[in-house]
Amino acid sequence: MQILKTYWNKLLILLLSILVIFFAFSYTLDIKGKALVDKSFNQSVIVFGSAKALNAVISLAQGTELDLPFLTVAIGEVLDPVNDLVEQFSFVMLLSMTSLGIQKIMMNFVTADVYNGILLFCVLILNIWIFYRFAKDERFRTLFFKITVILVFLRFSVPLIGLVNDITYNNFVKQEYNIEKLNDNIIKVKEDINQVTSNTITQKEEGSFFNKVVNKFDSNYYSKKVDEYKKAVDNSSEYIVALIIAFVFQTMLLPIIFLFIMYHFIRGIFNLCK
């Protein structure tokens, strides 16, 4: 009992060291974390592709001008706000994919055999140092302890980011901002715009000369076409903004918050050791 009272802090560090080595070499967190980051990255690529496809369809539609004598009704005026939002969304998606790509690189770095070998070496030396002291080793021992804690922090914090992202998204975000459903809605908007544009081009090319002349002077025809485009892009801005919120929260804001919390946690441990 007296030994436990005397060496309880050293035994606690030894126990924690055993757990660190076990989880580091069992890759329990790594496999799940890698799978979640890969899933998020692939999802980002798919949504980015949908955004670029929508941008292309809008660009095609903007080239379709409906000319009325003394008045030009440009389809671009209807689609410009949506197109601007799509371009901003594409930039956000590019940042999201960059963030996920960095997470994948960091994941590969901290789960590499070389990193685990260095971590094992540092943990073993640290535990030996705890039980066997040397003369005037206080400063160097403290520095070595901090380096080891940083290595442990990096080893587990990076895989945990993916796990925390997934748990947070499924429990708090998905109900309101379901990325899969929102992406399907964006694809539907793209198909609707493309359908209206295709019908307009077909009517111009296949219509009789008489119908072309009648349509050219029929204001109702132009109003109908504009209404068709307005209907096609209805709620599209809402879908895009919702996707921006979901991806900014999941791939940028949440990792920053997680690292901020972990940084202060590690800083608190350092202060306890002073």
C-alpha atoms as a PDB file:
ATOM      1  CA  MET A   1       0.000   0.000   0.000  1.00  0.00           C
ATOM      2  CA  GLN A   2       2.833   2.356   0.809  1.00  0.00           C
ATOM      3  CA  ILE A   3       4.414   1.596  -2.577  1.00  0.00           C
ATOM      4  CA  LEU A   4       1.187   2.570  -4.359  1.00  0.00           C
ATOM      5  CA  LYS A   5       1.063   5.868  -2.448  1.00  0.00           C
ATOM      6  CA  THR A   6       4.687   6.580  -3.312  1.00  0.00           C
ATOM      7  CA  TYR A   7       4.655   5.553  -6.969  1.00  0.00           C
ATOM      8  CA  TRP A   8       0.991   5.981  -7.951  1.00  0.00           C
ATOM      9  CA  ASN A   9       1.753   8.762 -10.467  1.00  0.00           C
ATOM     10  CA  LYS A  10       4.537   6.729 -12.047  1.00  0.00           C
ATOM     11  CA  LEU A  11       2.339   3.642 -12.221  1.00  0.00           C
ATOM     12  CA  LEU A  12      -0.450   5.721 -13.775  1.00  0.00           C
ATOM     13  CA  ILE A  13       1.915   6.954 -16.484  1.00  0.00           C
ATOM     14  CA  LEU A  14       3.073   3.374 -17.052  1.00  0.00           C
ATOM     15  CA  LEU A  15      -0.530   2.194 -17.423  1.00  0.00           C
ATOM     16  CA  LEU A  16      -1.349   5.026 -19.832  1.00  0.00           C
ATOM     17  CA  SER A  17       1.793   4.224 -21.806  1.00  0.00           C
ATOM     18  CA  ILE A  18       0.676   0.603 -22.202  1.00  0.00           C
ATOM     19  CA  LEU A  19      -2.730   1.765 -23.461  1.00  0.00           C
ATOM     20  CA  VAL A  20      -1.093   4.213 -25.889  1.00  0.00           C
ATOM     21  CA  ILE A  21       1.135   1.529 -27.374  1.00  0.00           C
ATOM     22  CA  PHE A  22      -1.740  -0.954 -27.564  1.00  0.00           C
ATOM     23  CA  PHE A  23      -4.083   1.384 -29.438  1.00  0.00           C
ATOM     24  CA  ALA A  24      -1.268   2.768 -31.588  1.00  0.00           C
ATOM     25  CA  PHE A  25      -0.349  -0.667 -32.915  1.00  0.00           C
ATOM     26  CA  SER A  26      -3.849  -2.149 -32.974  1.00  0.00           C
ATOM     27  CA  TYR A  27      -4.969   0.505 -35.512  1.00  0.00           C
ATOM     28  CA  THR A  28      -8.468   0.367 -34.000  1.00  0.00           C
ATOM     29  CA  LEU A  29      -9.135   4.076 -34.490  1.00  0.00           C
ATOM     30  CA  ASP A  30      -7.118   4.365 -37.694  1.00  0.00           C
ATOM     31  CA  ILE A  31      -9.153   1.975 -39.849  1.00  0.00           C
ATOM     32  CA  LYS A  32     -12.442   3.628 -38.935  1.00  0.00           C
ATOM     33  CA  GLY A  33     -10.965   7.133 -39.172  1.00  0.00           C
ATOM     34  CA  LYS A  34      -9.437   6.514 -42.604  1.00  0.00           C
ATOM     35  CA  ALA A  35     -12.693   5.048 -43.920  1.00  0.00           C
ATOM     36  CA  LEU A  36     -14.680   8.081 -42.722  1.00  0.00           C
ATOM     37  CA  VAL A  37     -12.227  10.611 -44.179  1.00  0.00           C
ATOM     38  CA  ASP A  38     -12.200   8.728 -47.495  1.00  0.00           C
ATOM     39  CA  LYS A  39     -16.001   8.673 -47.496  1.00  0.00           C
ATOM     40  CA  SER A  40     -16.189  12.415 -46.828  1.00  0.00           C
ATOM     41  CA  PHE A  41     -13.595  13.140 -49.516  1.00  0.00           C
ATOM     42  CA  ASN A  42     -15.430  11.043 -52.129  1.00  0.00           C
ATOM     43  CA  GLN A  43     -18.698  12.706 -51.138  1.00  0.00           C
ATOM     44  CA  SER A  44     -17.096  16.124 -51.590  1.00  0.00           C
ATOM     45  CA  VAL A  45     -15.847  15.158 -55.046  1.00  0.00           C
ATOM     46  CA  ILE A  46     -19.359  14.025 -56.066  1.00  0.00           C
ATOM     47  CA  VAL A  47     -21.006  17.230 -54.815  1.00  0.00           C
ATOM     48  CA  PHE A  48     -18.283  19.345 -56.439  1.00  0.00           C
ATOM     49  CA  GLY A  49     -18.971  17.543 -59.718  1.00  0.00           C
ATOM     50  CA  SER A  50     -22.693  18.265 -59.374  1.00  0.00           C
ATOM     51  CA  ALA A  51     -21.950  21.956 -58.755  1.00  0.00           C
ATOM     52  CA  LYS A  52     -19.714  22.193 -61.834  1.00  0.00           C
ATOM     53  CA  ALA A  53     -22.341  20.387 -63.931  1.00  0.00           C
ATOM     54  CA  LEU A  54     -24.995  22.848 -62.755  1.00  0.00           C
ATOM     55  CA  ASN A  55     -22.648  25.715 -63.582  1.00  0.00           C
ATOM     56  CA  ALA A  56     -22.175  24.341 -67.123  1.00  0.00           C
ATOM     57  CA  VAL A  57     -25.925  23.939 -67.674  1.00  0.00           C
ATOM     58  CA  ILE A  58     -26.590  27.480 -66.458  1.00  0.00           C
ATOM     59  CA  SER A  59     -23.857  28.833 -68.730  1.00  0.00           C
ATOM     60  CA  LEU A  60     -25.537  27.092 -71.678  1.00  0.00           C
ATOM     61  CA  ALA A  61     -28.931  28.500 -70.704  1.00  0.00           C
ATOM     62  CA  GLN A  62     -27.480  32.001 -70.327  1.00  0.00           C
ATOM     63  CA  GLY A  63     -26.508  31.884 -73.974  1.00  0.00           C
ATOM     64  CA  THR A  64     -30.167  31.427 -74.907  1.00  0.00           C
ATOM     65  CA  GLU A  65     -31.610  34.904 -75.486  1.00  0.00           C
ATOM     66  CA  LEU A  66     -35.264  35.505 -76.227  1.00  0.00           C
ATOM     67  CA  ASP A  67     -35.558  38.504 -78.521  1.00  0.00           C
ATOM     68  CA  LEU A  68     -38.746  40.550 -78.515  1.00  0.00           C
ATOM     69  CA  PRO A  69     -39.012  43.645 -80.729  1.00  0.00           C
ATOM     70  CA  PHE A  70     -37.801  46.697 -78.781  1.00  0.00           C
ATOM     71  CA  LEU A  71     -37.200  44.439 -75.753  1.00  0.00           C
ATOM     72  CA  THR A  72     -34.642  41.757 -74.969  1.00  0.00           C
ATOM     73  CA  VAL A  73     -35.531  39.271 -72.285  1.00  0.00           C
ATOM     74  CA  ALA A  74     -32.237  37.617 -71.319  1.00  0.00           C
ATOM     75  CA  ILE A  75     -32.462  34.291 -69.561  1.00  0.00           C
ATOM     76  CA  GLY A  76     -29.170  35.173 -67.930  1.00  0.00           C
ATOM     77  CA  GLU A  77     -30.929  37.766 -65.771  1.00  0.00           C
ATOM     78  CA  VAL A  78     -32.987  34.963 -64.255  1.00  0.00           C
ATOM     79  CA  LEU A  79     -30.037  32.614 -63.759  1.00  0.00           C
ATOM     80  CA  ASP A  80     -27.229  35.053 -62.835  1.00  0.00           C
ATOM     81  CA  PRO A  81     -27.908  35.052 -59.052  1.00  0.00           C
ATOM     82  CA  VAL A  82     -27.969  31.248 -58.969  1.00  0.00           C
ATOM     83  CA  ASN A  83     -24.853  31.001 -61.120  1.00  0.00           C
ATOM     84  CA  ASP A  84     -22.948  33.414 -58.851  1.00  0.00           C
ATOM     85  CA  LEU A  85     -23.929  31.338 -55.825  1.00  0.00           C
ATOM     86  CA  VAL A  86     -22.861  28.132 -57.596  1.00  0.00           C
ATOM     87  CA  GLU A  87     -19.424  29.623 -58.312  1.00  0.00           C
ATOM     88  CA  GLN A  88     -19.007  30.599 -54.651  1.00  0.00           C
ATOM     89  CA  PHE A  89     -20.171  27.132 -53.639  1.00  0.00           C
ATOM     90  CA  SER A  90     -17.586  25.578 -55.974  1.00  0.00           C
ATOM     91  CA  PHE A  91     -14.877  27.568 -54.167  1.00  0.00           C
ATOM     92  CA  VAL A  92     -16.153  26.332 -50.787  1.00  0.00           C
ATOM     93  CA  MET A  93     -16.110  22.755 -52.079  1.00  0.00           C
ATOM     94  CA  LEU A  94     -12.540  23.241 -53.286  1.00  0.00           C
ATOM     95  CA  LEU A  95     -11.547  24.355 -49.773  1.00  0.00           C
ATOM     96  CA  SER A  96     -13.424  21.402 -48.266  1.00  0.00           C
ATOM     97  CA  MET A  97     -11.621  18.911 -50.502  1.00  0.00           C
ATOM     98  CA  THR A  98      -8.315  20.586 -49.641  1.00  0.00           C
ATOM     99  CA  SER A  99      -9.077  20.261 -45.920  1.00  0.00           C
ATOM    100  CA  LEU A 100     -10.008  16.586 -46.315  1.00  0.00           C
ATOM    101  CA  GLY A 101      -6.945  15.981 -48.458  1.00  0.00           C
ATOM    102  CA  ILE A 102      -4.715  17.435 -45.716  1.00  0.00           C
ATOM    103  CA  GLN A 103      -6.488  15.228 -43.175  1.00  0.00           C
ATOM    104  CA  LYS A 104      -5.754  12.174 -45.352  1.00  0.00           C
ATOM    105  CA  ILE A 105      -2.067  13.124 -45.569  1.00  0.00           C
ATOM    106  CA  MET A 106      -1.880  13.672 -41.796  1.00  0.00           C
ATOM    107  CA  MET A 107      -3.659  10.352 -41.259  1.00  0.00           C
ATOM    108  CA  ASN A 108      -1.082   8.531 -43.398  1.00  0.00           C
ATOM    109  CA  PHE A 109       1.727  10.334 -41.554  1.00  0.00           C
ATOM    110  CA  VAL A 110       0.681   9.531 -37.968  1.00  0.00           C
ATOM    111  CA  THR A 111      -0.279   5.920 -38.769  1.00  0.00           C
ATOM    112  CA  ALA A 112       2.968   5.080 -40.587  1.00  0.00           C
ATOM    113  CA  ASP A 113       5.209   2.372 -39.124  1.00  0.00           C
ATOM    114  CA  VAL A 114       8.072   4.867 -38.790  1.00  0.00           C
ATOM    115  CA  TYR A 115       5.937   7.216 -36.694  1.00  0.00           C
ATOM    116  CA  ASN A 116       4.719   4.349 -34.504  1.00  0.00           C
ATOM    117  CA  GLY A 117       8.308   3.196 -34.065  1.00  0.00           C
ATOM    118  CA  ILE A 118       9.414   6.651 -32.930  1.00  0.00           C
ATOM    119  CA  LEU A 119       6.412   6.847 -30.597  1.00  0.00           C
ATOM    120  CA  LEU A 120       7.231   3.438 -29.089  1.00  0.00           C
ATOM    121  CA  PHE A 121      10.863   4.454 -28.557  1.00  0.00           C
ATOM    122  CA  CYS A 122       9.897   7.734 -26.850  1.00  0.00           C
ATOM    123  CA  VAL A 123       7.312   6.093 -24.587  1.00  0.00           C
ATOM    124  CA  LEU A 124       9.758   3.385 -23.498  1.00  0.00           C
ATOM    125  CA  ILE A 125      12.540   5.896 -22.792  1.00  0.00           C
ATOM    126  CA  LEU A 126      10.114   8.111 -20.894  1.00  0.00           C
ATOM    127  CA  ASN A 127       9.010   5.259 -18.626  1.00  0.00           C
ATOM    128  CA  ILE A 128      12.605   4.213 -17.983  1.00  0.00           C
ATOM    129  CA  TRP A 129      13.400   7.817 -17.168  1.00  0.00           C
ATOM    130  CA  ILE A 130      10.514   7.982 -14.692  1.00  0.00           C
ATOM    131  CA  PHE A 131      11.859   5.121 -12.586  1.00  0.00           C
ATOM    132  CA  TYR A 132      15.586   5.777 -13.072  1.00  0.00           C
ATOM    133  CA  ARG A 133      16.745   9.370 -12.642  1.00  0.00           C
ATOM    134  CA  PHE A 134      20.032  10.906 -13.668  1.00  0.00           C
ATOM    135  CA  ALA A 135      21.955  13.831 -12.230  1.00  0.00           C
ATOM    136  CA  LYS A 136      20.834  17.272 -13.450  1.00  0.00           C
ATOM    137  CA  ASP A 137      18.342  15.845 -15.959  1.00  0.00           C
ATOM    138  CA  GLU A 138      15.310  17.929 -14.960  1.00  0.00           C
ATOM    139  CA  ARG A 139      15.192  20.303 -17.943  1.00  0.00           C
ATOM    140  CA  PHE A 140      15.953  17.661 -20.539  1.00  0.00           C
ATOM    141  CA  ARG A 141      13.528  15.187 -18.985  1.00  0.00           C
ATOM    142  CA  THR A 142      10.730  17.786 -19.008  1.00  0.00           C
ATOM    143  CA  LEU A 143      11.460  18.612 -22.661  1.00  0.00           C
ATOM    144  CA  PHE A 144      11.452  14.932 -23.578  1.00  0.00           C
ATOM    145  CA  PHE A 145       8.136  14.448 -21.760  1.00  0.00           C
ATOM    146  CA  LYS A 146       6.532  17.323 -23.708  1.00  0.00           C
ATOM    147  CA  ILE A 147       7.797  15.962 -27.037  1.00  0.00           C
ATOM    148  CA  THR A 148       6.367  12.539 -26.205  1.00  0.00           C
ATOM    149  CA  VAL A 149       2.993  14.023 -25.252  1.00  0.00           C
ATOM    150  CA  ILE A 150       2.893  15.941 -28.552  1.00  0.00           C
ATOM    151  CA  LEU A 151       3.622  12.719 -30.467  1.00  0.00           C
ATOM    152  CA  VAL A 152       0.828  10.934 -28.593  1.00  0.00           C
ATOM    153  CA  PHE A 153      -1.529  13.874 -29.192  1.00  0.00           C
ATOM    154  CA  LEU A 154      -0.885  13.842 -32.942  1.00  0.00           C
ATOM    155  CA  ARG A 155      -1.112  10.057 -33.112  1.00  0.00           C
ATOM    156  CA  PHE A 156      -4.695   9.937 -31.842  1.00  0.00           C
ATOM    157  CA  SER A 157      -6.146  13.393 -32.499  1.00  0.00           C
ATOM    158  CA  VAL A 158      -5.981  13.093 -36.303  1.00  0.00           C
ATOM    159  CA  PRO A 159      -7.977   9.815 -36.490  1.00  0.00           C
ATOM    160  CA  LEU A 160     -10.390  11.156 -33.869  1.00  0.00           C
ATOM    161  CA  ILE A 161     -11.232  14.167 -36.053  1.00  0.00           C
ATOM    162  CA  GLY A 162     -12.852  11.861 -38.596  1.00  0.00           C
ATOM    163  CA  LEU A 163     -14.788  10.011 -35.893  1.00  0.00           C
ATOM    164  CA  VAL A 164     -16.009  13.222 -34.229  1.00  0.00           C
ATOM    165  CA  ASN A 165     -17.013  14.591 -37.640  1.00  0.00           C
ATOM    166  CA  ASP A 166     -19.081  11.505 -38.401  1.00  0.00           C
ATOM    167  CA  ILE A 167     -20.779  11.392 -34.988  1.00  0.00           C
ATOM    168  CA  THR A 168     -21.593  15.107 -35.068  1.00  0.00           C
ATOM    169  CA  TYR A 169     -22.895  15.020 -38.629  1.00  0.00           C
ATOM    170  CA  ASN A 170     -25.136  11.972 -38.106  1.00  0.00           C
ATOM    171  CA  ASN A 171     -26.574  13.141 -34.787  1.00  0.00           C
ATOM    172  CA  PHE A 172     -26.810  16.925 -35.118  1.00  0.00           C
ATOM    173  CA  VAL A 173     -26.406  18.017 -38.744  1.00  0.00           C
ATOM    174  CA  LYS A 174     -27.853  15.353 -41.027  1.00  0.00           C
ATOM    175  CA  GLN A 175     -31.464  15.879 -39.945  1.00  0.00           C
ATOM    176  CA  GLU A 176     -31.374  19.491 -41.110  1.00  0.00           C
ATOM    177  CA  TYR A 177     -28.648  19.420 -43.776  1.00  0.00           C
ATOM    178  CA  ASN A 178     -28.608  15.994 -45.404  1.00  0.00           C
ATOM    179  CA  ILE A 179     -25.797  16.186 -47.955  1.00  0.00           C
ATOM    180  CA  GLU A 180     -27.030  13.228 -50.026  1.00  0.00           C
ATOM    181  CA  LYS A 181     -30.570  14.626 -50.386  1.00  0.00           C
ATOM    182  CA  LEU A 182     -29.338  18.152 -51.059  1.00  0.00           C
ATOM    183  CA  ASN A 183     -27.020  16.859 -53.777  1.00  0.00           C
ATOM    184  CA  ASP A 184     -29.955  14.989 -55.359  1.00  0.00           C
ATOM    185  CA  ASN A 185     -31.908  18.261 -55.324  1.00  0.00           C
ATOM    186  CA  ILE A 186     -29.036  20.061 -57.076  1.00  0.00           C
ATOM    187  CA  ILE A 187     -28.956  17.335 -59.733  1.00  0.00           C
ATOM    188  CA  LYS A 188     -32.731  17.737 -60.165  1.00  0.00           C
ATOM    189  CA  VAL A 189     -32.314  21.507 -60.657  1.00  0.00           C
ATOM    190  CA  LYS A 190     -29.614  20.861 -63.260  1.00  0.00           C
ATOM    191  CA  GLU A 191     -31.861  18.420 -65.131  1.00  0.00           C
ATOM    192  CA  ASP A 192     -34.816  20.841 -65.050  1.00  0.00           C
ATOM    193  CA  ILE A 193     -32.746  23.728 -66.417  1.00  0.00           C
ATOM    194  CA  ASN A 194     -31.272  21.484 -69.084  1.00  0.00           C
ATOM    195  CA  GLN A 195     -34.752  20.300 -70.067  1.00  0.00           C
ATOM    196  CA  VAL A 196     -36.074  23.845 -70.483  1.00  0.00           C
ATOM    197  CA  THR A 197     -33.002  24.837 -72.532  1.00  0.00           C
ATOM    198  CA  SER A 198     -33.285  21.740 -74.732  1.00  0.00           C
ATOM    199  CA  ASN A 199     -36.969  22.416 -75.378  1.00  0.00           C
ATOM    200  CA  THR A 200     -36.232  26.039 -76.278  1.00  0.00           C
ATOM    201  CA  ILE A 201     -33.486  25.074 -78.727  1.00  0.00           C
ATOM    202  CA  THR A 202     -35.663  22.322 -80.246  1.00  0.00           C
ATOM    203  CA  GLN A 203     -38.571  24.715 -80.769  1.00  0.00           C
ATOM    204  CA  LYS A 204     -36.277  27.182 -82.521  1.00  0.00           C
ATOM    205  CA  GLU A 205     -34.738  24.558 -84.783  1.00  0.00           C
ATOM    206  CA  GLU A 206     -37.784  22.401 -85.609  1.00  0.00           C
ATOM    207  CA  GLY A 207     -40.585  24.934 -85.544  1.00  0.00           C
ATOM    208  CA  SER A 208     -42.207  26.032 -88.818  1.00  0.00           C
ATOM    209  CA  PHE A 209     -41.470  29.425 -90.295  1.00  0.00           C
ATOM    210  CA  PHE A 210     -44.966  30.616 -89.393  1.00  0.00           C
ATOM    211  CA  ASN A 211     -44.604  29.481 -85.750  1.00  0.00           C
ATOM    212  CA  LYS A 212     -41.215  31.183 -85.489  1.00  0.00           C
ATOM    213  CA  VAL A 213     -42.716  34.466 -86.714  1.00  0.00           C
ATOM    214  CA  VAL A 214     -45.694  34.144 -84.354  1.00  0.00           C
ATOM    215  CA  ASN A 215     -43.480  33.301 -81.375  1.00  0.00           C
ATOM    216  CA  LYS A 216     -41.155  36.193 -82.157  1.00  0.00           C
ATOM    217  CA  PHE A 217     -43.987  38.671 -81.662  1.00  0.00           C
ATOM    218  CA  ASP A 218     -45.802  36.773 -78.891  1.00  0.00           C
ATOM    219  CA  SER A 219     -44.912  38.252 -75.494  1.00  0.00           C
ATOM    220  CA  ASN A 220     -46.713  35.397 -73.744  1.00  0.00           C
ATOM    221  CA  TYR A 221     -44.228  32.945 -75.269  1.00  0.00           C
ATOM    222  CA  TYR A 222     -41.299  34.821 -73.727  1.00  0.00           C
ATOM    223  CA  SER A 223     -43.008  35.207 -70.379  1.00  0.00           C
ATOM    224  CA  LYS A 224     -43.713  31.479 -70.354  1.00  0.00           C
ATOM    225  CA  LYS A 225     -40.064  30.649 -71.032  1.00  0.00           C
ATOM    226  CA  VAL A 226     -38.851  32.957 -68.282  1.00  0.00           C
ATOM    227  CA  ASP A 227     -41.361  31.393 -65.882  1.00  0.00           C
ATOM    228  CA  GLU A 228     -40.114  27.930 -66.839  1.00  0.00           C
ATOM    229  CA  TYR A 229     -36.553  28.901 -65.908  1.00  0.00           C
ATOM    230  CA  LYS A 230     -37.731  30.514 -62.678  1.00  0.00           C
ATOM    231  CA  LYS A 231     -39.589  27.326 -61.788  1.00  0.00           C
ATOM    232  CA  ALA A 232     -36.529  25.209 -62.662  1.00  0.00           C
ATOM    233  CA  VAL A 233     -34.249  27.128 -60.272  1.00  0.00           C
ATOM    234  CA  ASP A 234     -36.894  27.405 -57.551  1.00  0.00           C
ATOM    235  CA  ASN A 235     -35.346  26.648 -54.112  1.00  0.00           C
ATOM    236  CA  SER A 236     -31.920  26.066 -55.722  1.00  0.00           C
ATOM    237  CA  SER A 237     -30.348  28.859 -53.667  1.00  0.00           C
ATOM    238  CA  GLU A 238     -31.704  27.251 -50.502  1.00  0.00           C
ATOM    239  CA  TYR A 239     -30.148  23.894 -51.452  1.00  0.00           C
ATOM    240  CA  ILE A 240     -26.773  25.448 -52.231  1.00  0.00           C
ATOM    241  CA  VAL A 241     -26.642  27.504 -49.025  1.00  0.00           C
ATOM    242  CA  ALA A 242     -27.557  24.393 -47.005  1.00  0.00           C
ATOM    243  CA  LEU A 243     -24.700  22.456 -48.640  1.00  0.00           C
ATOM    244  CA  ILE A 244     -22.278  25.303 -47.895  1.00  0.00           C
ATOM    245  CA  ILE A 245     -23.313  25.238 -44.221  1.00  0.00           C
ATOM    246  CA  ALA A 246     -22.931  21.442 -44.023  1.00  0.00           C
ATOM    247  CA  PHE A 247     -19.494  21.303 -45.637  1.00  0.00           C
ATOM    248  CA  VAL A 248     -18.062  24.345 -43.846  1.00  0.00           C
ATOM    249  CA  PHE A 249     -19.174  22.893 -40.511  1.00  0.00           C
ATOM    250  CA  GLN A 250     -18.045  19.340 -41.252  1.00  0.00           C
ATOM    251  CA  THR A 251     -14.753  19.860 -43.054  1.00  0.00           C
ATOM    252  CA  MET A 252     -13.462  23.189 -41.757  1.00  0.00           C
ATOM    253  CA  LEU A 253     -15.130  24.559 -38.621  1.00  0.00           C
ATOM    254  CA  LEU A 254     -15.392  21.300 -36.684  1.00  0.00           C
ATOM    255  CA  PRO A 255     -11.741  20.236 -37.182  1.00  0.00           C
ATOM    256  CA  ILE A 256     -10.585  23.708 -36.095  1.00  0.00           C
ATOM    257  CA  ILE A 257     -12.763  23.583 -32.966  1.00  0.00           C
ATOM    258  CA  PHE A 258     -11.565  20.051 -32.198  1.00  0.00           C
ATOM    259  CA  LEU A 259      -7.897  21.013 -32.502  1.00  0.00           C
ATOM    260  CA  PHE A 260      -8.507  24.148 -30.415  1.00  0.00           C
ATOM    261  CA  ILE A 261     -10.017  22.089 -27.586  1.00  0.00           C
ATOM    262  CA  MET A 262      -7.257  19.490 -27.741  1.00  0.00           C
ATOM    263  CA  TYR A 263      -4.579  22.197 -27.771  1.00  0.00           C
ATOM    264  CA  HIS A 264      -5.877  23.697 -24.531  1.00  0.00           C
ATOM    265  CA  PHE A 265      -6.208  20.225 -23.028  1.00  0.00           C
ATOM    266  CA  ILE A 266      -2.542  19.470 -23.765  1.00  0.00           C
ATOM    267  CA  ARG A 267      -1.555  22.917 -22.548  1.00  0.00           C
ATOM    268  CA  GLY A 268      -3.344  22.199 -19.277  1.00  0.00           C
ATOM    269  CA  ILE A 269      -1.350  18.958 -18.900  1.00  0.00           C
ATOM    270  CA  PHE A 270       1.883  20.880 -19.432  1.00  0.00           C
ATOM    271  CA  ASN A 271       0.911  23.360 -16.739  1.00  0.00           C
ATOM    272  CA  LEU A 272       0.249  20.508 -14.302  1.00  0.00           C
ATOM    273  CA  CYS A 273       3.779  19.260 -14.868  1.00  0.00           C
ATOM    274  CA  LYS A 274       5.400  22.544 -13.911  1.00  0.00           C
END
